[in-house]
Amino acid sequence: MAVSEEETERIKARYTGSELAQSYNWSYEYIAENMIVVSAQYTVDYDNTKVPYQEGALSQDFILIREYTGSGSSWLIWDGASPK
């Protein structure tokens, strides 16, 4: 897992000033200081008897936000998606 600077900047640009950000009361400053994207690469091995999901080496991006403004706050997973 690692912070993806490129995806973080893309997501911040996408949400800054958006209707969604306004609905959450996220200011420009909040997004700039309290939102990051973490990319995770991991391996999954399913037995395929109960789940029809893809297995093997997978990648996923997670958008993290701080629960409260400030560097001492915990990070929460706000959304996740498979990278393009």
N, C-alpha and C. Protein backbone atom coordinates (compact mmCIF):
# COMPACT_ATOMS: atom_id res chain seq x y z
N MET A 1 0.84 -1.17 0.00
CA MET A 1 0.00 0.00 0.00
C MET A 1 0.88 1.23 0.00
N ALA A 2 0.41 2.25 -0.72
CA ALA A 2 1.15 3.51 -0.77
C ALA A 2 0.20 4.62 -1.19
N VAL A 3 0.50 5.83 -0.72
CA VAL A 3 -0.28 6.99 -1.15
C VAL A 3 0.04 7.24 -2.62
N SER A 4 -0.99 7.41 -3.42
CA SER A 4 -0.84 7.73 -4.84
C SER A 4 -1.00 9.24 -5.01
N GLU A 5 0.12 9.92 -5.20
CA GLU A 5 0.09 11.38 -5.34
C GLU A 5 -0.73 11.78 -6.58
N GLU A 6 -0.57 11.06 -7.68
CA GLU A 6 -1.28 11.37 -8.92
C GLU A 6 -2.80 11.23 -8.74
N GLU A 7 -3.24 10.12 -8.17
CA GLU A 7 -4.67 9.91 -7.95
C GLU A 7 -5.21 10.86 -6.89
N THR A 8 -4.41 11.17 -5.88
CA THR A 8 -4.84 12.12 -4.85
C THR A 8 -5.14 13.47 -5.49
N GLU A 9 -4.25 13.95 -6.34
CA GLU A 9 -4.47 15.24 -7.00
C GLU A 9 -5.68 15.20 -7.92
N ARG A 10 -5.87 14.10 -8.62
CA ARG A 10 -7.02 13.96 -9.53
C ARG A 10 -8.33 13.99 -8.74
N ILE A 11 -8.38 13.24 -7.65
CA ILE A 11 -9.59 13.17 -6.83
C ILE A 11 -9.87 14.51 -6.15
N LYS A 12 -8.84 15.15 -5.64
CA LYS A 12 -9.03 16.47 -5.02
C LYS A 12 -9.61 17.46 -6.02
N ALA A 13 -9.09 17.45 -7.25
CA ALA A 13 -9.59 18.35 -8.29
C ALA A 13 -11.04 18.02 -8.64
N ARG A 14 -11.35 16.73 -8.65
CA ARG A 14 -12.71 16.28 -8.98
C ARG A 14 -13.74 16.73 -7.94
N TYR A 15 -13.38 16.67 -6.66
CA TYR A 15 -14.34 16.97 -5.61
C TYR A 15 -14.34 18.43 -5.16
N THR A 16 -13.25 19.15 -5.34
CA THR A 16 -13.19 20.55 -4.90
C THR A 16 -14.25 21.37 -5.61
N GLY A 17 -15.12 21.98 -4.80
CA GLY A 17 -16.17 22.82 -5.34
C GLY A 17 -17.36 22.07 -5.93
N SER A 18 -17.38 20.76 -5.81
CA SER A 18 -18.47 19.97 -6.39
C SER A 18 -19.72 20.03 -5.52
N GLU A 19 -20.85 19.62 -6.13
CA GLU A 19 -22.09 19.54 -5.36
C GLU A 19 -21.96 18.52 -4.23
N LEU A 20 -21.25 17.42 -4.50
CA LEU A 20 -21.06 16.40 -3.47
C LEU A 20 -20.30 16.99 -2.28
N ALA A 21 -19.23 17.72 -2.56
CA ALA A 21 -18.45 18.34 -1.49
C ALA A 21 -19.31 19.31 -0.70
N GLN A 22 -20.14 20.05 -1.38
CA GLN A 22 -21.04 20.98 -0.69
C GLN A 22 -22.03 20.24 0.19
N SER A 23 -22.52 19.08 -0.28
CA SER A 23 -23.48 18.32 0.52
C SER A 23 -22.85 17.77 1.80
N TYR A 24 -21.52 17.55 1.78
CA TYR A 24 -20.81 17.10 2.98
C TYR A 24 -20.21 18.26 3.77
N ASN A 25 -20.42 19.48 3.29
CA ASN A 25 -19.82 20.67 3.89
C ASN A 25 -18.30 20.63 3.87
N TRP A 26 -17.73 20.07 2.78
CA TRP A 26 -16.28 20.02 2.62
C TRP A 26 -15.81 21.29 1.94
N SER A 27 -15.03 22.07 2.63
CA SER A 27 -14.47 23.29 2.07
C SER A 27 -13.27 22.93 1.19
N TYR A 28 -12.79 23.93 0.45
CA TYR A 28 -11.57 23.74 -0.34
C TYR A 28 -10.43 23.31 0.57
N GLU A 29 -10.33 23.95 1.72
CA GLU A 29 -9.25 23.66 2.66
C GLU A 29 -9.36 22.25 3.22
N TYR A 30 -10.59 21.85 3.53
CA TYR A 30 -10.78 20.50 4.07
C TYR A 30 -10.29 19.45 3.07
N ILE A 31 -10.71 19.57 1.82
CA ILE A 31 -10.30 18.61 0.79
C ILE A 31 -8.79 18.64 0.61
N ALA A 32 -8.21 19.82 0.56
CA ALA A 32 -6.77 19.95 0.34
C ALA A 32 -5.95 19.28 1.44
N GLU A 33 -6.44 19.33 2.67
CA GLU A 33 -5.64 18.86 3.80
C GLU A 33 -6.09 17.51 4.37
N ASN A 34 -7.26 17.02 3.98
CA ASN A 34 -7.83 15.86 4.66
C ASN A 34 -8.34 14.77 3.73
N MET A 35 -7.83 14.72 2.52
CA MET A 35 -8.24 13.68 1.57
C MET A 35 -7.01 13.17 0.84
N ILE A 36 -6.85 11.84 0.81
CA ILE A 36 -5.76 11.21 0.07
C ILE A 36 -6.29 9.94 -0.61
N VAL A 37 -5.54 9.46 -1.59
CA VAL A 37 -5.86 8.20 -2.24
C VAL A 37 -4.71 7.24 -1.97
N VAL A 38 -5.05 6.06 -1.47
CA VAL A 38 -4.07 5.01 -1.20
C VAL A 38 -4.31 3.88 -2.20
N SER A 39 -3.26 3.47 -2.88
CA SER A 39 -3.34 2.34 -3.81
C SER A 39 -2.82 1.09 -3.11
N ALA A 40 -3.60 0.02 -3.22
CA ALA A 40 -3.21 -1.25 -2.60
C ALA A 40 -3.13 -2.33 -3.66
N GLN A 41 -2.09 -3.12 -3.60
CA GLN A 41 -1.93 -4.29 -4.46
C GLN A 41 -1.88 -5.50 -3.54
N TYR A 42 -2.68 -6.51 -3.89
CA TYR A 42 -2.75 -7.69 -3.04
C TYR A 42 -3.12 -8.90 -3.88
N THR A 43 -2.96 -10.07 -3.31
CA THR A 43 -3.26 -11.32 -3.99
C THR A 43 -4.41 -12.01 -3.28
N VAL A 44 -5.37 -12.50 -4.06
CA VAL A 44 -6.53 -13.19 -3.52
C VAL A 44 -6.62 -14.56 -4.17
N ASP A 45 -6.91 -15.56 -3.36
CA ASP A 45 -7.07 -16.93 -3.88
C ASP A 45 -8.39 -17.48 -3.35
N TYR A 46 -9.40 -17.51 -4.22
CA TYR A 46 -10.71 -18.04 -3.84
C TYR A 46 -10.82 -19.50 -4.24
N ASP A 47 -11.66 -20.25 -3.55
CA ASP A 47 -11.88 -21.64 -3.96
C ASP A 47 -12.96 -21.74 -5.04
N ASN A 48 -13.62 -20.60 -5.35
CA ASN A 48 -14.63 -20.49 -6.41
C ASN A 48 -15.86 -21.36 -6.19
N THR A 49 -16.09 -21.83 -4.98
CA THR A 49 -17.31 -22.59 -4.71
C THR A 49 -18.41 -21.69 -4.16
N LYS A 50 -18.04 -20.56 -3.60
CA LYS A 50 -19.04 -19.70 -2.99
C LYS A 50 -19.05 -18.29 -3.57
N VAL A 51 -17.97 -17.84 -4.16
CA VAL A 51 -17.90 -16.49 -4.70
C VAL A 51 -17.37 -16.51 -6.13
N PRO A 52 -18.00 -15.77 -7.02
CA PRO A 52 -17.56 -15.75 -8.42
C PRO A 52 -16.61 -14.59 -8.73
N TYR A 53 -15.80 -14.18 -7.77
CA TYR A 53 -14.97 -13.01 -7.95
C TYR A 53 -13.65 -13.36 -8.61
N GLN A 54 -13.06 -12.32 -9.21
CA GLN A 54 -11.74 -12.46 -9.82
C GLN A 54 -10.71 -12.76 -8.73
N GLU A 55 -9.75 -13.62 -9.06
CA GLU A 55 -8.69 -13.90 -8.10
C GLU A 55 -7.35 -13.62 -8.73
N GLY A 56 -6.32 -13.69 -7.93
CA GLY A 56 -4.97 -13.40 -8.39
C GLY A 56 -4.50 -12.07 -7.86
N ALA A 57 -3.59 -11.45 -8.60
CA ALA A 57 -3.04 -10.15 -8.21
C ALA A 57 -4.05 -9.06 -8.56
N LEU A 58 -4.47 -8.31 -7.56
CA LEU A 58 -5.47 -7.27 -7.75
C LEU A 58 -4.93 -5.93 -7.26
N SER A 59 -5.51 -4.85 -7.79
CA SER A 59 -5.17 -3.50 -7.35
C SER A 59 -6.47 -2.78 -7.03
N GLN A 60 -6.41 -1.94 -6.02
CA GLN A 60 -7.58 -1.15 -5.66
C GLN A 60 -7.12 0.17 -5.06
N ASP A 61 -7.85 1.23 -5.39
CA ASP A 61 -7.59 2.55 -4.81
C ASP A 61 -8.64 2.83 -3.75
N PHE A 62 -8.21 3.42 -2.65
CA PHE A 62 -9.12 3.81 -1.58
C PHE A 62 -9.00 5.31 -1.35
N ILE A 63 -10.13 5.99 -1.31
CA ILE A 63 -10.14 7.41 -0.97
C ILE A 63 -10.31 7.48 0.55
N LEU A 64 -9.35 8.11 1.20
CA LEU A 64 -9.38 8.26 2.65
C LEU A 64 -9.64 9.72 3.00
N ILE A 65 -10.45 9.92 4.03
CA ILE A 65 -10.67 11.25 4.57
C ILE A 65 -10.43 11.20 6.06
N ARG A 66 -10.07 12.35 6.60
CA ARG A 66 -9.93 12.43 8.05
C ARG A 66 -11.30 12.66 8.66
N GLU A 67 -11.50 12.00 9.78
CA GLU A 67 -12.78 12.14 10.47
C GLU A 67 -12.99 13.59 10.92
N TYR A 68 -11.94 14.20 11.42
CA TYR A 68 -11.99 15.59 11.87
C TYR A 68 -10.79 16.30 11.29
N THR A 69 -10.89 17.57 11.07
CA THR A 69 -9.77 18.34 10.56
C THR A 69 -8.63 18.29 11.56
N GLY A 70 -7.45 18.06 11.06
CA GLY A 70 -6.27 18.04 11.91
C GLY A 70 -5.49 16.76 11.75
N SER A 71 -4.19 16.86 11.86
CA SER A 71 -3.32 15.71 11.59
C SER A 71 -3.44 14.60 12.63
N GLY A 72 -4.05 14.87 13.78
CA GLY A 72 -4.19 13.85 14.81
C GLY A 72 -5.41 12.95 14.62
N SER A 73 -6.24 13.26 13.65
CA SER A 73 -7.48 12.51 13.44
C SER A 73 -7.22 11.21 12.68
N SER A 74 -8.08 10.24 12.91
CA SER A 74 -7.99 8.96 12.20
C SER A 74 -8.41 9.14 10.74
N TRP A 75 -7.85 8.28 9.87
CA TRP A 75 -8.26 8.24 8.47
C TRP A 75 -9.37 7.21 8.32
N LEU A 76 -10.39 7.54 7.56
CA LEU A 76 -11.50 6.64 7.28
C LEU A 76 -11.56 6.35 5.78
N ILE A 77 -11.90 5.10 5.44
CA ILE A 77 -12.11 4.79 4.03
C ILE A 77 -13.46 5.37 3.63
N TRP A 78 -13.44 6.30 2.70
CA TRP A 78 -14.65 6.95 2.25
C TRP A 78 -15.21 6.25 1.01
N ASP A 79 -14.31 5.79 0.13
CA ASP A 79 -14.74 5.12 -1.10
C ASP A 79 -13.59 4.27 -1.60
N GLY A 80 -13.91 3.30 -2.41
CA GLY A 80 -12.90 2.44 -3.02
C GLY A 80 -13.28 2.11 -4.44
N ALA A 81 -12.26 1.96 -5.29
CA ALA A 81 -12.52 1.63 -6.69
C ALA A 81 -11.31 0.93 -7.27
N SER A 82 -11.56 0.12 -8.29
CA SER A 82 -10.45 -0.47 -9.03
C SER A 82 -9.88 0.58 -9.94
N PRO A 83 -8.56 0.69 -10.01
CA PRO A 83 -7.96 1.69 -10.88
C PRO A 83 -8.27 1.41 -12.34
N LYS A 84 -8.22 2.44 -13.14
CA LYS A 84 -8.48 2.32 -14.57
C LYS A 84 -7.35 1.61 -15.27
